[in-house]
PDB file of N, CA and C in Angstrom:
ATOM      1  N   UNK A   1      -9.611   2.056   4.579  1.00  0.00           N
ATOM      2  CA  UNK A   1      -8.309   1.372   4.988  1.00  0.00           C
ATOM      3  C   UNK A   1      -8.483   0.844   6.399  1.00  0.00           C
ATOM      4  N   UNK A   2      -7.951  -0.266   6.640  1.00  0.00           N
ATOM      5  CA  UNK A   2      -8.014  -0.904   7.932  1.00  0.00           C
ATOM      6  C   UNK A   2      -6.662  -1.330   8.406  1.00  0.00           C
ATOM      7  N   UNK A   3      -5.893  -0.454   8.970  1.00  0.00           N
ATOM      8  CA  UNK A   3      -4.556  -0.797   9.483  1.00  0.00           C
ATOM      9  C   UNK A   3      -4.491  -0.634  10.979  1.00  0.00           C
ATOM     10  N   UNK A   4      -3.757  -1.482  11.648  1.00  0.00           N
ATOM     11  CA  UNK A   4      -3.670  -1.407  13.080  1.00  0.00           C
ATOM     12  C   UNK A   4      -2.180  -1.000  13.438  1.00  0.00           C
ATOM     13  N   UNK A   5      -2.093  -0.033  14.265  1.00  0.00           N
ATOM     14  CA  UNK A   5      -0.740   0.408  14.710  1.00  0.00           C
ATOM     15  C   UNK A   5      -0.267  -0.610  15.705  1.00  0.00           C
ATOM     16  N   UNK A   6       1.024  -0.989  15.549  1.00  0.00           N
ATOM     17  CA  UNK A   6       1.689  -1.902  16.460  1.00  0.00           C
ATOM     18  C   UNK A   6       2.697  -1.143  17.340  1.00  0.00           C
ATOM     19  N   UNK A   7       3.158  -1.815  18.330  1.00  0.00           N
ATOM     20  CA  UNK A   7       4.179  -1.178  19.203  1.00  0.00           C
ATOM     21  C   UNK A   7       5.404  -0.850  18.403  1.00  0.00           C
ATOM     22  N   UNK A   8       5.899   0.324  18.608  1.00  0.00           N
ATOM     23  CA  UNK A   8       7.142   0.854  17.958  1.00  0.00           C
ATOM     24  C   UNK A   8       8.272  -0.099  18.201  1.00  0.00           C
ATOM     25  N   UNK A   9       8.942  -0.657  17.207  1.00  0.00           N
ATOM     26  CA  UNK A   9      10.122  -1.541  17.495  1.00  0.00           C
ATOM     27  C   UNK A   9      11.376  -0.756  17.921  1.00  0.00           C
ATOM     28  N   UNK A  10      11.387   0.544  17.589  1.00  0.00           N
ATOM     29  CA  UNK A  10      12.547   1.420  18.003  1.00  0.00           C
ATOM     30  C   UNK A  10      12.047   2.815  17.957  1.00  0.00           C
ATOM     31  N   UNK A  11      12.855   3.711  18.605  1.00  0.00           N
ATOM     32  CA  UNK A  11      12.497   5.148  18.540  1.00  0.00           C
ATOM     33  C   UNK A  11      12.480   5.628  17.123  1.00  0.00           C
ATOM     34  N   UNK A  12      11.447   6.361  16.756  1.00  0.00           N
ATOM     35  CA  UNK A  12      11.327   6.975  15.422  1.00  0.00           C
ATOM     36  C   UNK A  12      10.891   6.005  14.374  1.00  0.00           C
ATOM     37  N   UNK A  13      10.437   4.842  14.802  1.00  0.00           N
ATOM     38  CA  UNK A  13       9.955   3.796  13.813  1.00  0.00           C
ATOM     39  C   UNK A  13       8.511   3.479  14.128  1.00  0.00           C
ATOM     40  N   UNK A  14       7.651   3.475  13.113  1.00  0.00           N
ATOM     41  CA  UNK A  14       6.260   3.085  13.313  1.00  0.00           C
ATOM     42  C   UNK A  14       6.031   1.751  12.586  1.00  0.00           C
ATOM     43  N   UNK A  15       5.243   0.891  13.161  1.00  0.00           N
ATOM     44  CA  UNK A  15       4.914  -0.344  12.584  1.00  0.00           C
ATOM     45  C   UNK A  15       3.364  -0.481  12.504  1.00  0.00           C
ATOM     46  N   UNK A  16       2.943  -1.043  11.369  1.00  0.00           N
ATOM     47  CA  UNK A  16       1.502  -1.195  11.125  1.00  0.00           C
ATOM     48  C   UNK A  16       1.270  -2.623  10.606  1.00  0.00           C
ATOM     49  N   UNK A  17       0.089  -3.058  10.778  1.00  0.00           N
ATOM     50  CA  UNK A  17      -0.411  -4.309  10.226  1.00  0.00           C
ATOM     51  C   UNK A  17      -1.749  -4.154   9.555  1.00  0.00           C
ATOM     52  N   UNK A  18      -1.992  -4.758   8.421  1.00  0.00           N
ATOM     53  CA  UNK A  18      -3.257  -4.718   7.811  1.00  0.00           C
ATOM     54  C   UNK A  18      -3.635  -6.112   7.212  1.00  0.00           C
ATOM     55  N   UNK A  19      -4.912  -6.380   7.147  1.00  0.00           N
ATOM     56  CA  UNK A  19      -5.388  -7.595   6.599  1.00  0.00           C
ATOM     57  C   UNK A  19      -5.462  -7.420   5.074  1.00  0.00           C
ATOM     58  N   UNK A  20      -4.739  -8.280   4.364  1.00  0.00           N
ATOM     59  CA  UNK A  20      -4.688  -8.178   2.898  1.00  0.00           C
ATOM     60  C   UNK A  20      -5.812  -8.858   2.184  1.00  0.00           C
ATOM     61  N   UNK A  21      -6.487  -9.773   2.810  1.00  0.00           N
ATOM     62  CA  UNK A  21      -7.640 -10.437   2.172  1.00  0.00           C
ATOM     63  C   UNK A  21      -8.826  -9.552   2.335  1.00  0.00           C
ATOM     64  N   UNK A  22      -9.386  -9.051   1.232  1.00  0.00           N
ATOM     65  CA  UNK A  22     -10.498  -8.095   1.253  1.00  0.00           C
ATOM     66  C   UNK A  22     -11.527  -8.506   0.158  1.00  0.00           C
ATOM     67  N   UNK A  23     -12.692  -7.943   0.255  1.00  0.00           N
ATOM     68  CA  UNK A  23     -13.695  -8.184  -0.761  1.00  0.00           C
ATOM     69  C   UNK A  23     -13.305  -7.521  -2.117  1.00  0.00           C
ATOM     70  N   UNK A  24     -13.913  -7.947  -3.126  1.00  0.00           N
ATOM     71  CA  UNK A  24     -13.632  -7.282  -4.463  1.00  0.00           C
ATOM     72  C   UNK A  24     -14.036  -5.842  -4.415  1.00  0.00           C
ATOM     73  N   UNK A  25     -15.067  -5.447  -3.714  1.00  0.00           N
ATOM     74  CA  UNK A  25     -15.466  -4.024  -3.645  1.00  0.00           C
ATOM     75  C   UNK A  25     -14.417  -3.221  -2.897  1.00  0.00           C
ATOM     76  N   UNK A  26     -13.845  -3.812  -1.820  1.00  0.00           N
ATOM     77  CA  UNK A  26     -12.792  -3.147  -1.047  1.00  0.00           C
ATOM     78  C   UNK A  26     -11.547  -2.916  -1.917  1.00  0.00           C
ATOM     79  N   UNK A  27     -11.197  -3.948  -2.726  1.00  0.00           N
ATOM     80  CA  UNK A  27     -10.024  -3.901  -3.531  1.00  0.00           C
ATOM     81  C   UNK A  27     -10.259  -2.819  -4.614  1.00  0.00           C
ATOM     82  N   UNK A  28     -11.375  -2.804  -5.209  1.00  0.00           N
ATOM     83  CA  UNK A  28     -11.676  -1.785  -6.261  1.00  0.00           C
ATOM     84  C   UNK A  28     -11.615  -0.348  -5.643  1.00  0.00           C
ATOM     85  N   UNK A  29     -12.130  -0.182  -4.435  1.00  0.00           N
ATOM     86  CA  UNK A  29     -12.047   1.143  -3.827  1.00  0.00           C
ATOM     87  C   UNK A  29     -10.681   1.558  -3.523  1.00  0.00           C
ATOM     88  N   UNK A  30      -9.839   0.639  -3.079  1.00  0.00           N
ATOM     89  CA  UNK A  30      -8.449   0.964  -2.772  1.00  0.00           C
ATOM     90  C   UNK A  30      -7.616   1.167  -4.049  1.00  0.00           C
ATOM     91  N   UNK A  31      -7.973   0.511  -5.090  1.00  0.00           N
ATOM     92  CA  UNK A  31      -7.149   0.553  -6.347  1.00  0.00           C
ATOM     93  C   UNK A  31      -7.043   1.974  -6.868  1.00  0.00           C
ATOM     94  N   UNK A  32      -7.997   2.878  -6.589  1.00  0.00           N
ATOM     95  CA  UNK A  32      -7.932   4.232  -7.111  1.00  0.00           C
ATOM     96  C   UNK A  32      -6.799   5.016  -6.530  1.00  0.00           C
ATOM     97  N   UNK A  33      -6.170   4.533  -5.414  1.00  0.00           N
ATOM     98  CA  UNK A  33      -5.088   5.221  -4.760  1.00  0.00           C
ATOM     99  C   UNK A  33      -3.731   4.937  -5.532  1.00  0.00           C
ATOM    100  N   UNK A  34      -3.698   3.911  -6.287  1.00  0.00           N
ATOM    101  CA  UNK A  34      -2.424   3.436  -6.969  1.00  0.00           C
ATOM    102  C   UNK A  34      -2.058   4.303  -8.178  1.00  0.00           C
ATOM    103  N   UNK A  35      -0.739   4.389  -8.384  1.00  0.00           N
ATOM    104  CA  UNK A  35      -0.178   5.106  -9.538  1.00  0.00           C
ATOM    105  C   UNK A  35      -0.335   4.228 -10.783  1.00  0.00           C
ATOM    106  N   UNK A  36      -0.031   4.788 -11.942  1.00  0.00           N
ATOM    107  CA  UNK A  36      -0.122   4.000 -13.182  1.00  0.00           C
ATOM    108  C   UNK A  36       0.887   2.882 -13.155  1.00  0.00           C
ATOM    109  N   UNK A  37       2.094   3.092 -12.623  1.00  0.00           N
ATOM    110  CA  UNK A  37       3.080   2.082 -12.543  1.00  0.00           C
ATOM    111  C   UNK A  37       2.665   0.945 -11.607  1.00  0.00           C
ATOM    112  N   UNK A  38       1.990   1.302 -10.543  1.00  0.00           N
ATOM    113  CA  UNK A  38       1.509   0.291  -9.581  1.00  0.00           C
ATOM    114  C   UNK A  38       0.367  -0.545 -10.164  1.00  0.00           C
ATOM    115  N   UNK A  39      -0.480   0.107 -10.951  1.00  0.00           N
ATOM    116  CA  UNK A  39      -1.567  -0.609 -11.672  1.00  0.00           C
ATOM    117  C   UNK A  39      -0.948  -1.613 -12.692  1.00  0.00           C
ATOM    118  N   UNK A  40       0.166  -1.168 -13.359  1.00  0.00           N
ATOM    119  CA  UNK A  40       0.810  -2.028 -14.328  1.00  0.00           C
ATOM    120  C   UNK A  40       1.430  -3.218 -13.636  1.00  0.00           C
ATOM    121  N   UNK A  41       2.085  -2.957 -12.459  1.00  0.00           N
ATOM    122  CA  UNK A  41       2.678  -4.105 -11.761  1.00  0.00           C
ATOM    123  C   UNK A  41       1.616  -5.054 -11.275  1.00  0.00           C
ATOM    124  N   UNK A  42       0.476  -4.535 -10.740  1.00  0.00           N
ATOM    125  CA  UNK A  42      -0.602  -5.386 -10.271  1.00  0.00           C
ATOM    126  C   UNK A  42      -1.132  -6.278 -11.408  1.00  0.00           C
ATOM    127  N   UNK A  43      -1.216  -5.720 -12.626  1.00  0.00           N
ATOM    128  CA  UNK A  43      -1.721  -6.442 -13.775  1.00  0.00           C
ATOM    129  C   UNK A  43      -0.815  -7.588 -14.162  1.00  0.00           C
ATOM    130  N   UNK A  44       0.426  -7.597 -13.718  1.00  0.00           N
ATOM    131  CA  UNK A  44       1.368  -8.663 -14.054  1.00  0.00           C
ATOM    132  C   UNK A  44       1.224  -9.867 -13.178  1.00  0.00           C
ATOM    133  N   UNK A  45       0.547  -9.704 -12.033  1.00  0.00           N
ATOM    134  CA  UNK A  45       0.355 -10.870 -11.166  1.00  0.00           C
ATOM    135  C   UNK A  45      -0.568 -11.830 -11.851  1.00  0.00           C
ATOM    136  N   UNK A  46      -0.163 -13.132 -11.931  1.00  0.00           N
ATOM    137  CA  UNK A  46      -0.922 -14.128 -12.642  1.00  0.00           C
ATOM    138  C   UNK A  46      -2.187 -14.574 -11.900  1.00  0.00           C
ATOM    139  N   UNK A  47      -2.258 -14.499 -10.621  1.00  0.00           N
ATOM    140  CA  UNK A  47      -3.382 -14.966  -9.861  1.00  0.00           C
ATOM    141  C   UNK A  47      -4.137 -13.818  -9.295  1.00  0.00           C
ATOM    142  N   UNK A  48      -5.440 -13.761  -9.428  1.00  0.00           N
ATOM    143  CA  UNK A  48      -6.279 -12.630  -8.922  1.00  0.00           C
ATOM    144  C   UNK A  48      -6.064 -12.396  -7.430  1.00  0.00           C
ATOM    145  N   UNK A  49      -5.934 -13.357  -6.618  1.00  0.00           N
ATOM    146  CA  UNK A  49      -5.809 -13.163  -5.182  1.00  0.00           C
ATOM    147  C   UNK A  49      -4.450 -12.467  -4.830  1.00  0.00           C
ATOM    148  N   UNK A  50      -3.395 -12.772  -5.612  1.00  0.00           N
ATOM    149  CA  UNK A  50      -2.130 -12.133  -5.415  1.00  0.00           C
ATOM    150  C   UNK A  50      -2.195 -10.659  -5.855  1.00  0.00           C
ATOM    151  N   UNK A  51      -2.874 -10.456  -6.999  1.00  0.00           N
ATOM    152  CA  UNK A  51      -3.091  -9.067  -7.474  1.00  0.00           C
ATOM    153  C   UNK A  51      -3.832  -8.247  -6.450  1.00  0.00           C
ATOM    154  N   UNK A  52      -4.908  -8.811  -5.875  1.00  0.00           N
ATOM    155  CA  UNK A  52      -5.718  -8.107  -4.898  1.00  0.00           C
ATOM    156  C   UNK A  52      -4.889  -7.764  -3.662  1.00  0.00           C
ATOM    157  N   UNK A  53      -4.075  -8.750  -3.179  1.00  0.00           N
ATOM    158  CA  UNK A  53      -3.219  -8.534  -2.018  1.00  0.00           C
ATOM    159  C   UNK A  53      -2.250  -7.358  -2.252  1.00  0.00           C
ATOM    160  N   UNK A  54      -1.657  -7.344  -3.450  1.00  0.00           N
ATOM    161  CA  UNK A  54      -0.708  -6.284  -3.791  1.00  0.00           C
ATOM    162  C   UNK A  54      -1.450  -4.962  -3.727  1.00  0.00           C
ATOM    163  N   UNK A  55      -2.583  -4.826  -4.346  1.00  0.00           N
ATOM    164  CA  UNK A  55      -3.343  -3.606  -4.428  1.00  0.00           C
ATOM    165  C   UNK A  55      -3.657  -3.128  -2.986  1.00  0.00           C
ATOM    166  N   UNK A  56      -4.142  -4.019  -2.128  1.00  0.00           N
ATOM    167  CA  UNK A  56      -4.495  -3.682  -0.763  1.00  0.00           C
ATOM    168  C   UNK A  56      -3.258  -3.177  -0.018  1.00  0.00           C
ATOM    169  N   UNK A  57      -2.166  -3.915  -0.114  1.00  0.00           N
ATOM    170  CA  UNK A  57      -0.972  -3.586   0.599  1.00  0.00           C
ATOM    171  C   UNK A  57      -0.434  -2.211   0.162  1.00  0.00           C
ATOM    172  N   UNK A  58      -0.298  -1.997  -1.176  1.00  0.00           N
ATOM    173  CA  UNK A  58       0.250  -0.747  -1.667  1.00  0.00           C
ATOM    174  C   UNK A  58      -0.632   0.409  -1.370  1.00  0.00           C
ATOM    175  N   UNK A  59      -1.947   0.247  -1.483  1.00  0.00           N
ATOM    176  CA  UNK A  59      -2.882   1.348  -1.166  1.00  0.00           C
ATOM    177  C   UNK A  59      -2.853   1.734   0.318  1.00  0.00           C
ATOM    178  N   UNK A  60      -2.737   0.665   1.165  1.00  0.00           N
ATOM    179  CA  UNK A  60      -2.617   0.954   2.577  1.00  0.00           C
ATOM    180  C   UNK A  60      -1.363   1.684   2.890  1.00  0.00           C
ATOM    181  N   UNK A  61      -0.274   1.279   2.271  1.00  0.00           N
ATOM    182  CA  UNK A  61       1.014   1.992   2.422  1.00  0.00           C
ATOM    183  C   UNK A  61       0.854   3.481   2.056  1.00  0.00           C
ATOM    184  N   UNK A  62       0.220   3.709   0.870  1.00  0.00           N
ATOM    185  CA  UNK A  62       0.029   5.087   0.420  1.00  0.00           C
ATOM    186  C   UNK A  62      -0.815   5.873   1.448  1.00  0.00           C
ATOM    187  N   UNK A  63      -1.872   5.254   1.982  1.00  0.00           N
ATOM    188  CA  UNK A  63      -2.764   5.964   2.883  1.00  0.00           C
ATOM    189  C   UNK A  63      -2.003   6.286   4.193  1.00  0.00           C
ATOM    190  N   UNK A  64      -1.185   5.295   4.696  1.00  0.00           N
ATOM    191  CA  UNK A  64      -0.421   5.589   5.921  1.00  0.00           C
ATOM    192  C   UNK A  64       0.542   6.701   5.727  1.00  0.00           C
ATOM    193  N   UNK A  65       1.337   6.609   4.616  1.00  0.00           N
ATOM    194  CA  UNK A  65       2.339   7.602   4.326  1.00  0.00           C
ATOM    195  C   UNK A  65       1.690   8.934   4.107  1.00  0.00           C
ATOM    196  N   UNK A  66       0.587   8.994   3.347  1.00  0.00           N
ATOM    197  CA  UNK A  66      -0.161  10.232   3.126  1.00  0.00           C
ATOM    198  C   UNK A  66      -0.587  10.877   4.407  1.00  0.00           C
ATOM    199  N   UNK A  67      -1.053  10.094   5.374  1.00  0.00           N
ATOM    200  CA  UNK A  67      -1.429  10.615   6.656  1.00  0.00           C
ATOM    201  C   UNK A  67      -0.219  11.161   7.451  1.00  0.00           C
ATOM    202  N   UNK A  68       0.916  10.534   7.353  1.00  0.00           N
ATOM    203  CA  UNK A  68       2.111  10.994   8.048  1.00  0.00           C
ATOM    204  C   UNK A  68       2.707  12.278   7.400  1.00  0.00           C
ATOM    205  N   UNK A  69       2.542  12.319   6.054  1.00  0.00           N
ATOM    206  CA  UNK A  69       3.074  13.433   5.345  1.00  0.00           C
ATOM    207  C   UNK A  69       2.064  14.554   5.090  1.00  0.00           C
ATOM    208  N   UNK A  70       0.912  14.357   5.565  1.00  0.00           N
ATOM    209  CA  UNK A  70      -0.177  15.370   5.418  1.00  0.00           C
ATOM    210  C   UNK A  70      -0.388  15.677   3.976  1.00  0.00           C
ATOM    211  N   UNK A  71      -0.598  14.633   3.110  1.00  0.00           N
ATOM    212  CA  UNK A  71      -0.917  14.771   1.787  1.00  0.00           C
ATOM    213  C   UNK A  71      -1.828  13.646   1.313  1.00  0.00           C
ATOM    214  N   UNK A  72      -2.443  13.841   0.144  1.00  0.00           N
ATOM    215  CA  UNK A  72      -3.381  12.786  -0.345  1.00  0.00           C
ATOM    216  C   UNK A  72      -2.554  11.528  -0.716  1.00  0.00           C
ATOM    217  N   UNK A  73      -3.058  10.364  -0.448  1.00  0.00           N
ATOM    218  CA  UNK A  73      -2.336   9.165  -0.761  1.00  0.00           C
ATOM    219  C   UNK A  73      -1.912   9.008  -2.250  1.00  0.00           C
ATOM    220  N   UNK A  74      -2.706   9.552  -3.115  1.00  0.00           N
ATOM    221  CA  UNK A  74      -2.416   9.488  -4.556  1.00  0.00           C
ATOM    222  C   UNK A  74      -1.195  10.410  -4.906  1.00  0.00           C
ATOM    223  N   UNK A  75      -0.896  11.344  -4.097  1.00  0.00           N
ATOM    224  CA  UNK A  75       0.200  12.268  -4.334  1.00  0.00           C
ATOM    225  C   UNK A  75       1.572  11.818  -3.788  1.00  0.00           C
ATOM    226  N   UNK A  76       1.546  10.722  -2.990  1.00  0.00           N
ATOM    227  CA  UNK A  76       2.777  10.227  -2.408  1.00  0.00           C
ATOM    228  C   UNK A  76       3.557   9.531  -3.551  1.00  0.00           C
ATOM    229  N   UNK A  77       4.824   9.927  -3.701  1.00  0.00           N
ATOM    230  CA  UNK A  77       5.682   9.348  -4.706  1.00  0.00           C
ATOM    231  C   UNK A  77       6.484   8.208  -4.052  1.00  0.00           C
ATOM    232  N   UNK A  78       6.240   6.974  -4.501  1.00  0.00           N
ATOM    233  CA  UNK A  78       6.938   5.798  -3.909  1.00  0.00           C
ATOM    234  C   UNK A  78       7.799   5.255  -5.038  1.00  0.00           C
ATOM    235  N   UNK A  79       9.104   5.174  -4.770  1.00  0.00           N
ATOM    236  CA  UNK A  79      10.009   4.607  -5.708  1.00  0.00           C
ATOM    237  C   UNK A  79      10.398   3.195  -5.284  1.00  0.00           C
ATOM    238  N   UNK A  80      11.269   2.568  -6.037  1.00  0.00           N
ATOM    239  CA  UNK A  80      11.732   1.262  -5.703  1.00  0.00           C
ATOM    240  C   UNK A  80      13.248   1.354  -5.372  1.00  0.00           C
ATOM    241  N   UNK A  81      13.522   0.946  -4.167  1.00  0.00           N
ATOM    242  CA  UNK A  81      14.931   0.951  -3.704  1.00  0.00           C
ATOM    243  C   UNK A  81      15.577  -0.347  -3.960  1.00  0.00           C
ATOM    244  N   UNK A  82      16.612  -0.552  -3.189  1.00  0.00           N
ATOM    245  CA  UNK A  82      17.438  -1.797  -3.308  1.00  0.00           C
ATOM    246  C   UNK A  82      16.500  -3.008  -3.143  1.00  0.00           C
ATOM    247  N   UNK A  83      16.724  -3.956  -3.969  1.00  0.00           N
ATOM    248  CA  UNK A  83      15.907  -5.195  -3.966  1.00  0.00           C
ATOM    249  C   UNK A  83      14.414  -4.966  -4.168  1.00  0.00           C
ATOM    250  N   UNK A  84      14.073  -3.784  -4.775  1.00  0.00           N
ATOM    251  CA  UNK A  84      12.724  -3.504  -5.134  1.00  0.00           C
ATOM    252  C   UNK A  84      11.824  -3.050  -3.967  1.00  0.00           C
ATOM    253  N   UNK A  85      12.382  -2.824  -2.852  1.00  0.00           N
ATOM    254  CA  UNK A  85      11.611  -2.379  -1.659  1.00  0.00           C
ATOM    255  C   UNK A  85      11.164  -0.904  -1.874  1.00  0.00           C
ATOM    256  N   UNK A  86       9.980  -0.588  -1.348  1.00  0.00           N
ATOM    257  CA  UNK A  86       9.492   0.805  -1.546  1.00  0.00           C
ATOM    258  C   UNK A  86      10.264   1.837  -0.796  1.00  0.00           C
ATOM    259  N   UNK A  87      10.451   3.030  -1.351  1.00  0.00           N
ATOM    260  CA  UNK A  87      11.103   4.113  -0.682  1.00  0.00           C
ATOM    261  C   UNK A  87      10.522   5.379  -1.120  1.00  0.00           C
ATOM    262  N   UNK A  88      10.536   6.372  -0.300  1.00  0.00           N
ATOM    263  CA  UNK A  88      10.009   7.675  -0.576  1.00  0.00           C
ATOM    264  C   UNK A  88      11.031   8.483  -1.341  1.00  0.00           C
TER     265      UNK A  88
END
């Protein structure tokens, strides 16, 4: 995972940035972190580049949250909140 920590926009808030364009090998390595539901959602993307960007973004989110929660990224439960945004 290659994410860069940004300046905190407010107290208690962390901001990160990652490059979503990755090699096929990188995408495959990150895909193992996704849940079955996330794999199913990724499969619905019509274009391979959009599918890869989703996988990289979601896997990076899992890795960051796992690090903050001191748990394996695969064990982080991410739901969908209002308007489909991720929530713990």
